[in-house]
Protein backbone atom coordinates (compact mmCIF):
# COMPACT_ATOMS: atom_id res chain seq x y z
CA MET A 1 -12.45 -11.86 50.67
CA ALA A 2 -13.15 -8.28 49.25
CA GLU A 3 -16.18 -7.02 47.70
CA TYR A 4 -16.27 -5.30 44.51
CA LYS A 5 -19.02 -3.09 43.14
CA LEU A 6 -19.53 -3.46 39.33
CA LEU A 7 -20.39 0.25 38.03
CA LEU A 8 -22.25 0.62 34.77
CA PRO A 9 -19.36 2.02 32.87
CA SER A 10 -19.20 5.40 30.52
CA MET A 11 -20.39 4.36 26.84
CA GLY A 12 -19.95 7.60 25.09
CA GLU A 13 -20.70 11.50 24.99
CA GLY A 14 -24.57 11.71 25.67
CA VAL A 15 -25.55 8.56 27.16
CA MET A 16 -26.14 8.73 30.53
CA GLU A 17 -28.53 5.58 31.43
CA ALA A 18 -28.92 2.37 30.18
CA THR A 19 -31.82 -0.18 30.84
CA ILE A 20 -30.79 -3.68 31.68
CA ILE A 21 -31.93 -6.41 29.16
CA SER A 22 -30.58 -9.43 30.90
CA TRP A 23 -28.47 -10.74 33.25
CA MET A 24 -26.23 -13.45 32.02
CA PHE A 25 -25.14 -15.02 35.28
CA ASN A 26 -27.30 -15.54 38.73
CA GLU A 27 -26.54 -14.50 42.09
CA GLY A 28 -23.90 -17.27 43.50
CA ASP A 29 -22.50 -17.52 39.92
CA PHE A 30 -18.61 -17.37 39.65
CA VAL A 31 -17.33 -14.95 36.58
CA LYS A 32 -14.42 -14.44 35.61
CA GLU A 33 -12.18 -11.37 34.40
CA ASP A 34 -13.32 -9.68 31.04
CA GLU A 35 -16.14 -11.89 30.84
CA SER A 36 -19.79 -10.39 29.76
CA VAL A 37 -22.27 -10.81 32.38
CA VAL A 38 -25.17 -8.29 31.88
CA GLU A 39 -26.78 -7.19 28.34
CA ILE A 40 -28.10 -3.42 28.66
CA ALA A 41 -30.08 -1.13 26.15
CA THR A 42 -29.62 2.29 25.46
CA ASP A 43 -31.45 4.38 22.99
CA LYS A 44 -28.94 3.66 20.26
CA VAL A 45 -27.84 -0.03 20.80
CA ASP A 46 -27.78 -2.89 22.51
CA SER A 47 -24.13 -4.01 24.16
CA ASP A 48 -22.84 -6.43 27.06
CA VAL A 49 -20.89 -5.13 30.05
CA PRO A 50 -17.85 -7.00 30.86
CA THR A 51 -16.48 -7.44 34.75
CA PRO A 52 -12.73 -6.14 35.02
CA VAL A 53 -12.12 -8.71 37.63
CA SER A 54 -13.01 -12.39 38.66
CA GLY A 55 -15.34 -13.22 41.60
CA LYS A 56 -18.86 -14.75 42.68
CA ILE A 57 -21.87 -12.52 41.97
CA ILE A 58 -23.49 -12.23 45.62
CA LYS A 59 -26.21 -9.35 45.04
CA ILE A 60 -27.47 -7.94 41.71
CA LEU A 61 -28.58 -4.53 42.23
CA LYS A 62 -30.63 -3.99 39.12
CA GLN A 63 -32.69 -6.52 37.69
CA LYS A 64 -34.32 -6.97 34.17
CA ASP A 65 -35.98 -3.92 32.89
CA ASP A 66 -34.38 -1.53 35.46
CA VAL A 67 -32.68 1.42 34.48
CA ALA A 68 -29.10 2.23 35.87
CA LYS A 69 -27.03 5.38 35.60
CA ILE A 70 -23.26 5.74 34.53
CA GLY A 71 -21.60 5.29 37.48
CA GLU A 72 -24.10 3.44 39.13
CA ALA A 73 -23.22 0.37 41.03
CA ILE A 74 -25.36 -2.68 39.02
CA ALA A 75 -23.89 -5.65 41.29
CA ILE A 76 -21.85 -6.98 44.04
CA LEU A 77 -19.03 -9.25 43.39
CA GLU A 78 -17.24 -11.13 45.96
CA THR A 79 -13.77 -11.39 45.07
CA ASP A 80 -10.10 -13.57 46.35
CA ALA A 81 -7.94 -10.36 47.55
CA ASP A 82 -5.30 -12.69 48.24
CA SER A 83 -5.38 -14.98 45.01
CA SER A 84 -2.82 -14.95 42.07
CA SER A 85 -5.49 -13.41 40.32
CA PRO A 86 -4.89 -9.58 38.94
CA GLU A 87 -5.41 -7.21 41.84
CA VAL A 88 -8.83 -6.47 42.31
CA PRO A 89 -9.51 -2.56 41.94
CA GLU A 90 -11.01 -0.84 45.21
CA SER A 91 -14.33 -0.72 45.16
CA LYS A 92 -15.86 3.09 45.30
CA THR A 93 -19.14 4.60 45.56
CA TYR A 94 -20.87 6.43 42.77
CA GLU A 95 -19.97 9.93 44.95
CA GLU A 96 -16.35 8.64 44.25
CA VAL A 97 -15.96 8.22 40.80
CA LYS A 98 -18.75 10.83 39.17
CA ASP A 99 -16.22 13.24 38.70
CA GLN A 100 -14.31 10.63 36.67
CA ILE A 101 -17.18 10.01 34.16
CA PRO A 102 -16.67 11.53 31.13
CA GLN A 103 -19.23 14.47 30.27
CA PRO A 104 -20.21 16.18 27.07
CA ASP A 105 -18.69 19.48 26.55
CA PRO A 106 -20.17 22.32 28.30
CA GLU A 107 -19.88 24.30 25.55
CA VAL A 108 -21.37 22.18 23.14
CA ILE A 109 -24.58 21.66 25.90
CA ASN A 110 -24.63 25.07 25.77
CA THR A 111 -25.01 25.62 22.19
CA LEU A 112 -27.31 22.65 21.25
CA GLU A 113 -29.72 22.70 24.43
CA GLN A 114 -30.25 26.32 24.62
CA PRO A 115 -33.93 26.48 23.62
CA LEU A 116 -34.90 23.82 26.73
CA THR A 117 -32.73 25.00 29.05
CA ASN A 118 -33.91 28.49 28.56
CA VAL A 119 -36.62 27.75 30.48
CA PHE A 120 -34.86 27.34 33.86
CA GLU A 121 -32.89 30.81 33.61
CA ASN A 122 -35.21 32.46 36.16
CA SER A 123 -35.11 29.49 38.45
CA SER A 124 -33.13 27.98 41.54
CA ASN A 125 -34.02 24.87 40.13
CA GLN A 126 -31.23 22.15 40.55
CA ASN A 127 -31.73 21.35 36.73
CA SER A 128 -31.27 24.64 35.61
CA ASP A 129 -28.21 24.31 32.86
CA LEU A 130 -28.59 20.32 32.43
CA TYR A 131 -28.28 18.12 29.60
CA LEU A 132 -31.52 16.84 28.61
CA SER A 133 -31.25 13.55 26.78
CA PRO A 134 -32.42 13.06 23.16
CA LEU A 135 -35.07 10.72 24.49
CA VAL A 136 -36.23 12.84 27.14
CA LYS A 137 -36.82 15.58 24.58
CA ASN A 138 -38.99 13.53 22.65
CA ILE A 139 -40.74 12.61 25.40
CA VAL A 140 -41.50 16.11 26.24
CA GLN A 141 -42.60 17.27 23.00
CA GLN A 142 -45.09 13.88 22.70
CA GLU A 143 -46.44 14.47 25.91
CA ASN A 144 -47.02 18.49 25.31
CA ILE A 145 -45.02 19.16 28.48
CA SER A 146 -44.80 23.12 29.41
CA ASP A 147 -42.10 25.53 30.48
CA SER A 148 -43.72 25.48 33.67
CA GLU A 149 -43.96 21.78 34.08
CA LEU A 150 -40.46 21.34 33.16
CA LYS A 151 -38.97 23.24 35.52
CA ASN A 152 -40.43 21.91 38.35
CA ILE A 153 -39.15 18.28 37.63
CA LYS A 154 -36.37 17.55 40.08
CA GLY A 155 -33.48 15.22 38.11
CA SER A 156 -32.45 11.98 39.69
CA GLY A 157 -29.56 11.95 37.34
CA LEU A 158 -26.04 12.58 37.16
CA GLU A 159 -25.48 15.80 38.45
CA GLY A 160 -29.47 16.25 38.87
CA ARG A 161 -30.05 15.45 35.20
CA ILE A 162 -33.81 14.80 33.98
CA THR A 163 -34.00 11.28 33.05
CA LYS A 164 -36.46 9.49 31.17
CA GLU A 165 -37.84 7.80 34.57
CA ASP A 166 -37.99 11.30 35.95
CA ILE A 167 -40.00 12.25 33.05
CA LEU A 168 -42.38 9.36 32.85
CA ASP A 169 -42.75 9.68 36.60
CA PHE A 170 -44.11 13.24 36.41
CA VAL A 171 -46.28 12.33 33.19
CA LYS A 172 -47.98 9.52 34.84
CA ASN A 173 -48.55 11.40 38.12
CA ARG A 174 -50.25 14.42 35.91
CA GLY A 175 -52.23 12.36 33.68
CA THR A 176 -53.63 11.00 37.30
CA ASN A 177 -54.41 14.30 38.75
CA THR A 178 -55.73 16.03 35.81
CA GLU A 179 -57.46 13.14 33.64
CA THR A 180 -56.91 14.67 30.73
CA LYS A 181 -54.33 11.82 28.96
CA SER A 182 -55.73 9.85 26.06
CA ALA A 183 -55.81 6.32 26.29
CA PRO A 184 -53.00 5.56 23.76
CA ALA A 185 -50.67 7.84 25.80
CA GLN A 186 -51.68 6.20 29.44
CA GLN A 187 -50.67 3.05 27.88
CA VAL A 188 -47.16 4.20 26.90
CA ILE A 189 -46.52 5.77 30.16
CA SER A 190 -47.55 2.57 32.19
CA GLN A 191 -44.79 0.80 30.81
CA PRO A 192 -41.87 2.91 32.18
CA ALA A 193 -39.30 0.24 31.81
CA GLN A 194 -39.49 0.62 28.05
CA THR A 195 -37.20 2.56 26.39
CA SER A 196 -39.63 4.48 24.33
CA ALA A 197 -42.69 4.09 21.89
CA PRO A 198 -44.20 5.54 18.73
CA ALA A 199 -46.42 8.50 19.56
CA PRO A 200 -50.15 8.01 19.75
CA LYS A 201 -52.73 7.72 17.36
CA PRO A 202 -54.30 10.91 16.68
CA SER A 203 -58.04 10.70 18.07
CA ASN A 204 -59.25 11.01 14.33
CA ALA A 205 -57.52 8.08 13.45
CA PRO A 206 -59.71 5.09 11.76
CA THR A 207 -60.37 2.18 14.36
CA LEU A 208 -58.24 -0.80 13.50
CA GLN A 209 -60.33 -3.41 11.76
CA LEU A 210 -58.95 -7.11 12.43
CA SER A 211 -60.50 -9.79 10.09
CA GLU A 212 -60.34 -13.67 11.17
CA GLY A 213 -56.41 -15.08 10.80
CA ASP A 214 -54.81 -11.77 11.48
CA GLU A 215 -51.97 -11.70 13.50
CA ILE A 216 -50.84 -9.13 15.85
CA ILE A 217 -47.01 -8.86 16.40
CA GLN A 218 -45.66 -6.60 18.92
CA MET A 219 -42.93 -4.60 17.98
CA ASP A 220 -39.73 -5.28 20.05
CA ARG A 221 -37.89 -2.50 21.61
CA VAL A 222 -35.83 -1.50 18.69
CA ARG A 223 -38.53 -1.35 16.05
CA LYS A 224 -40.26 0.92 18.61
CA ILE A 225 -37.05 3.20 18.88
CA ILE A 226 -36.93 3.20 14.90
CA ALA A 227 -40.73 3.96 14.57
CA GLU A 228 -40.40 6.94 17.00
CA ALA A 229 -37.48 8.18 15.58
CA MET A 230 -38.91 8.04 11.94
CA VAL A 231 -41.96 9.72 12.90
CA ASN A 232 -40.42 12.66 14.77
CA SER A 233 -38.10 13.28 11.75
CA LYS A 234 -40.78 14.08 9.54
CA HIS A 235 -42.35 15.75 12.20
CA THR A 236 -39.71 17.98 12.57
CA SER A 237 -37.97 18.19 8.98
CA PRO A 238 -40.03 19.23 5.99
CA HIS A 239 -38.27 16.76 3.41
CA VAL A 240 -37.35 17.42 0.05
CA THR A 241 -35.56 14.75 -2.22
CA SER A 242 -33.57 15.49 -5.62
CA PHE A 243 -32.83 12.25 -7.97
CA ILE A 244 -29.73 11.92 -10.20
CA GLU A 245 -28.72 9.05 -12.35
CA SER A 246 -24.58 8.67 -12.18
CA ASP A 247 -22.87 6.61 -14.83
CA VAL A 248 -20.18 4.94 -12.30
CA THR A 249 -18.42 2.80 -15.13
CA ASN A 250 -15.03 4.07 -13.94
CA VAL A 251 -16.01 2.96 -10.30
CA VAL A 252 -17.08 -0.58 -11.00
CA THR A 253 -13.73 -0.92 -13.45
CA TRP A 254 -11.51 0.07 -10.56
CA ARG A 255 -13.20 -1.77 -8.37
CA ALA A 256 -13.27 -5.04 -10.65
CA LYS A 257 -9.21 -4.48 -11.00
CA ASN A 258 -8.37 -4.08 -7.31
CA LYS A 259 -10.89 -6.31 -5.49
CA ASP A 260 -8.89 -9.45 -5.43
CA SER A 261 -5.53 -8.23 -4.90
CA TYR A 262 -7.06 -6.10 -2.10
CA GLN A 263 -8.86 -9.17 -0.44
CA LYS A 264 -5.26 -11.14 -1.04
CA ARG A 265 -3.46 -8.32 0.78
CA GLU A 266 -5.78 -7.42 3.44
CA GLY A 267 -8.18 -10.47 4.03
CA GLU A 268 -11.01 -8.50 3.65
CA LYS A 269 -13.57 -7.52 0.77
CA LEU A 270 -13.43 -4.05 -1.13
CA THR A 271 -16.92 -3.01 -1.57
CA PHE A 272 -18.35 0.27 -3.38
CA MET A 273 -19.11 1.59 0.12
CA PRO A 274 -15.70 3.22 0.73
CA ILE A 275 -15.86 4.80 -3.03
CA PHE A 276 -19.41 6.18 -2.46
CA ILE A 277 -18.48 8.11 1.12
CA ARG A 278 -15.09 9.11 -0.22
CA ALA A 279 -17.36 11.13 -2.74
CA VAL A 280 -19.59 12.23 -0.02
CA VAL A 281 -16.89 13.49 1.94
CA LYS A 282 -15.48 15.75 -1.10
CA ALA A 283 -18.54 17.37 -1.68
CA ILE A 284 -19.31 18.17 2.38
CA GLN A 285 -15.85 19.98 1.94
CA ASP A 286 -17.51 21.74 -1.09
CA PHE A 287 -20.80 22.91 0.88
CA PRO A 288 -19.88 22.28 4.55
CA MET A 289 -23.42 23.73 5.15
CA ILE A 290 -24.66 20.26 4.29
CA ASN A 291 -22.61 19.06 7.30
CA VAL A 292 -25.09 21.04 9.97
CA SER A 293 -27.74 20.52 12.31
CA VAL A 294 -30.72 22.70 13.22
CA ASP A 295 -31.45 24.11 16.83
CA GLY A 296 -34.55 26.26 16.90
CA ASP A 297 -33.35 29.52 15.01
CA LYS A 298 -29.69 28.59 14.79
CA ILE A 299 -27.70 26.78 12.68
CA ILE A 300 -24.62 24.77 14.50
CA LYS A 301 -22.04 23.61 11.76
CA LYS A 302 -19.69 21.05 12.32
CA LYS A 303 -16.40 20.56 12.42
CA ASN A 304 -16.04 17.15 12.01
CA ILE A 305 -17.32 14.93 9.22
CA ASN A 306 -18.79 11.69 10.52
CA ILE A 307 -20.49 9.55 8.22
CA GLY A 308 -23.25 7.32 9.31
CA MET A 309 -23.73 3.97 7.45
CA ALA A 310 -27.19 2.58 7.54
CA THR A 311 -26.86 -1.38 8.14
CA ALA A 312 -29.84 -3.90 7.93
CA LEU A 313 -29.69 -6.69 10.86
CA PRO A 314 -30.46 -10.17 10.57
CA ASP A 315 -33.84 -9.62 12.49
CA GLY A 316 -34.88 -6.72 9.83
CA ASN A 317 -34.24 -3.80 12.20
CA LEU A 318 -31.70 -1.35 11.57
CA ILE A 319 -28.95 0.66 13.01
CA VAL A 320 -26.59 3.33 11.70
CA PRO A 321 -23.10 2.98 13.08
CA VAL A 322 -20.95 5.95 12.48
CA ILE A 323 -17.27 6.17 10.64
CA LYS A 324 -16.08 8.73 12.84
CA ASN A 325 -13.39 11.65 10.90
CA ALA A 326 -14.27 9.98 7.55
CA ASP A 327 -12.18 12.83 5.93
CA GLN A 328 -9.15 12.14 7.92
CA LEU A 329 -8.98 8.08 6.46
CA SER A 330 -7.34 7.09 3.34
CA LEU A 331 -9.68 4.84 1.18
CA SER A 332 -8.14 1.83 2.28
CA GLY A 333 -8.81 3.31 5.91
CA LEU A 334 -12.35 3.63 4.81
CA ALA A 335 -12.71 -0.13 3.88
CA LYS A 336 -11.33 -1.46 7.15
CA ALA A 337 -13.68 0.85 9.15
CA ILE A 338 -17.08 -0.08 6.88
CA ASN A 339 -16.10 -3.75 7.21
CA ASP A 340 -15.47 -3.45 11.03
CA LEU A 341 -18.71 -1.67 11.79
CA ALA A 342 -20.76 -3.84 9.48
CA TYR A 343 -19.25 -6.94 10.95
CA ARG A 344 -19.97 -5.59 14.34
CA ALA A 345 -23.39 -4.35 13.78
CA ARG A 346 -24.77 -7.84 12.50
CA ASN A 347 -23.12 -9.73 15.17
CA LYS A 348 -24.35 -7.37 18.11
CA LYS A 349 -21.05 -6.01 19.08
CA LEU A 350 -21.49 -2.48 18.58
CA THR A 351 -20.67 -0.08 21.56
CA PRO A 352 -23.13 3.00 22.29
CA ALA A 353 -20.09 5.21 20.97
CA ASP A 354 -20.23 3.49 17.38
CA THR A 355 -23.67 4.72 16.66
CA GLN A 356 -23.09 8.25 17.77
CA GLY A 357 -22.28 11.59 16.54
CA ALA A 358 -23.10 11.27 12.79
CA THR A 359 -23.41 14.38 11.01
CA TYR A 360 -24.05 12.86 7.55
CA THR A 361 -25.78 9.54 6.27
CA ILE A 362 -25.60 7.16 3.44
CA SER A 363 -28.20 4.49 3.11
CA ASN A 364 -27.18 1.66 0.26
CA VAL A 365 -30.76 0.60 -1.26
CA GLY A 366 -29.11 -0.94 -4.33
CA THR A 367 -27.90 -4.03 -1.54
CA PHE A 368 -31.55 -5.21 -2.29
CA GLY A 369 -31.73 -4.42 -5.86
CA ASN A 370 -33.69 -1.23 -5.41
CA LEU A 371 -33.01 1.33 -7.84
CA MET A 372 -33.73 4.66 -5.86
CA GLY A 373 -35.44 5.17 -2.41
CA THR A 374 -36.84 8.42 -0.60
CA PRO A 375 -34.87 8.11 2.77
CA ILE A 376 -35.60 9.65 5.97
CA ILE A 377 -33.19 12.18 7.47
CA PRO A 378 -31.96 10.90 10.78
CA GLN A 379 -32.15 13.68 13.30
CA PRO A 380 -30.52 15.93 13.88
CA GLN A 381 -28.48 15.64 10.54
CA VAL A 382 -30.08 17.58 7.88
CA ALA A 383 -29.67 15.57 4.81
CA ILE A 384 -29.34 11.69 3.84
CA LEU A 385 -28.28 10.00 0.44
CA ALA A 386 -29.49 7.00 -0.85
CA VAL A 387 -27.69 4.89 -3.15
CA GLY A 388 -29.38 2.64 -5.51
CA ALA A 389 -28.59 -0.43 -7.64
CA ILE A 390 -25.84 -0.35 -10.14
CA VAL A 391 -27.20 -1.81 -13.92
CA LYS A 392 -26.05 -1.81 -17.27
CA LYS A 393 -27.40 0.43 -19.50
CA PRO A 394 -27.51 1.64 -23.14
CA ALA A 395 -26.02 5.37 -23.26
CA VAL A 396 -25.40 8.12 -25.37
CA ILE A 397 -21.76 9.16 -25.29
CA GLU A 398 -20.15 11.90 -26.63
CA THR A 399 -17.02 11.08 -28.48
CA GLU A 400 -14.85 13.57 -31.06
CA PHE A 401 -16.05 11.86 -33.98
CA GLY A 402 -19.75 12.20 -32.73
CA ASP A 403 -22.30 10.70 -30.41
CA VAL A 404 -21.85 6.86 -30.04
CA ILE A 405 -24.31 4.69 -27.78
CA ALA A 406 -22.39 2.26 -25.43
CA ILE A 407 -22.94 -0.07 -22.34
CA ARG A 408 -22.65 1.56 -19.46
CA GLN A 409 -22.82 1.12 -15.59
CA LYS A 410 -25.62 3.33 -14.10
CA MET A 411 -26.72 4.16 -10.91
CA PHE A 412 -29.57 6.02 -9.01
CA MET A 413 -28.81 8.74 -5.93
CA SER A 414 -31.53 10.14 -4.26
CA HIS A 415 -30.53 13.14 -1.71
CA SER A 416 -33.19 13.78 0.89
CA TYR A 417 -32.64 17.25 2.77
CA ASP A 418 -34.24 19.66 5.22
CA HIS A 419 -35.79 22.69 3.71
CA ARG A 420 -35.60 24.58 6.74
CA VAL A 421 -31.79 24.94 5.98
CA VAL A 422 -31.16 23.25 2.79
CA ASP A 423 -32.68 24.88 -0.60
CA GLY A 424 -32.81 23.11 -3.86
CA SER A 425 -29.94 25.21 -5.12
CA LEU A 426 -27.66 23.56 -2.43
CA GLY A 427 -29.05 20.08 -1.80
CA GLY A 428 -29.21 19.57 -5.63
CA MET A 429 -25.46 21.13 -6.03
CA PHE A 430 -24.09 18.78 -3.40
CA LEU A 431 -25.89 15.94 -5.62
CA LYS A 432 -24.26 16.80 -8.57
CA HIS A 433 -20.87 17.12 -6.73
CA VAL A 434 -21.05 13.37 -5.33
CA ASN A 435 -22.31 12.90 -9.18
CA ASP A 436 -19.34 14.25 -10.57
CA TYR A 437 -16.49 12.72 -8.09
CA LEU A 438 -18.09 9.47 -9.01
CA GLU A 439 -18.07 9.95 -12.63
CA ASN A 440 -14.60 10.81 -12.73
CA TRP A 441 -12.97 8.43 -10.64
CA ASP A 442 -9.49 8.19 -11.49
CA LEU A 443 -8.62 4.58 -12.52
CA ASN A 444 -5.00 4.78 -11.44
CA THR A 445 -6.29 5.71 -7.72
CA GLU A 446 -4.43 3.48 -5.31
CA ILE A 447 -5.42 1.63 -2.22
């Protein structure tokens, strides 16, 4: 018999830790190779961790709500090394495998995290040039942690990085010592096992009055993350929204002509979303300064065009899977990627990497019959497009014989953008180009 340490696997660039949600087996249970054994949660998505070997779980090292670092052992399995089953990989310690764990590009970290890492420039602290995750940065901002306080925190994460637990422990101790934290803040930090929570209410916020029969519903973990992200975005980016009504008659006609043959050929539905994304990608290529992020007084122009696709989940929450390098995909490739991500999102099969790296996002509010919306920008992006319901309307059409009234397929689009870096001219011209690509859609386009 041999022992095998089950390690928390790498889950994509920038993901350094995960919270254990639940174990699917108990100590003493036998698990088969590739069988999911534990459910974990990151800042973005919940996912399962399979075991690469068969064996009996003899020790669970991380319990429910514990935080594990990438490459850290979470359980020990007893395997039969002499059996005919696949060869059991040699168990390795975290120190032995940490150099093999994919790390974010140092140049990207140096560029994107400069304002946060500058606080360490004159310090010998071990954390001086290390990565701070978006969650840690949100907590730093929420708890008003000063530069001098931040540089004195010793990180326990990979290569000395400051983790969520480190920052929450510091805040908890600081609150105990100074007695300056408000009651709502103490409530947040007293539960370090939770991923995050919305910012505490201002001190002048009105007291909530409850009436007989009112029901109090505790936010789940995902809803807390969404709430914090939305508040943070409105606090960070001055939002401006432009609107346009687009004549998508050609798009509707083209889809009606091709959807049956496409489904018969590919076994998948042909929705409007691939067409919308194709138009957005072309407009981004026309106006690449929409495809940027902001870091203090620096603008980071993104090389890749990765389109986030806001997707409603059956439990009422929202997730945004990402179509990577959308500019390199054909129309059929976009359709397949969209269908795959939507299916896995609704069946909780997305990986953390599936929700990272978006540079621009589209939200289809028309799915719910809404004509338009004013979407909130997902940080650190600077813009988001909402497409409304397609409705038949009478419209004035210019012809060589004069104006005529005809029934056309119309759709409102709303474009929210960050006024720090996107002015009305850029935001408006970008939206007009998306509109033009849709209105002039070629009926002979192949898929």
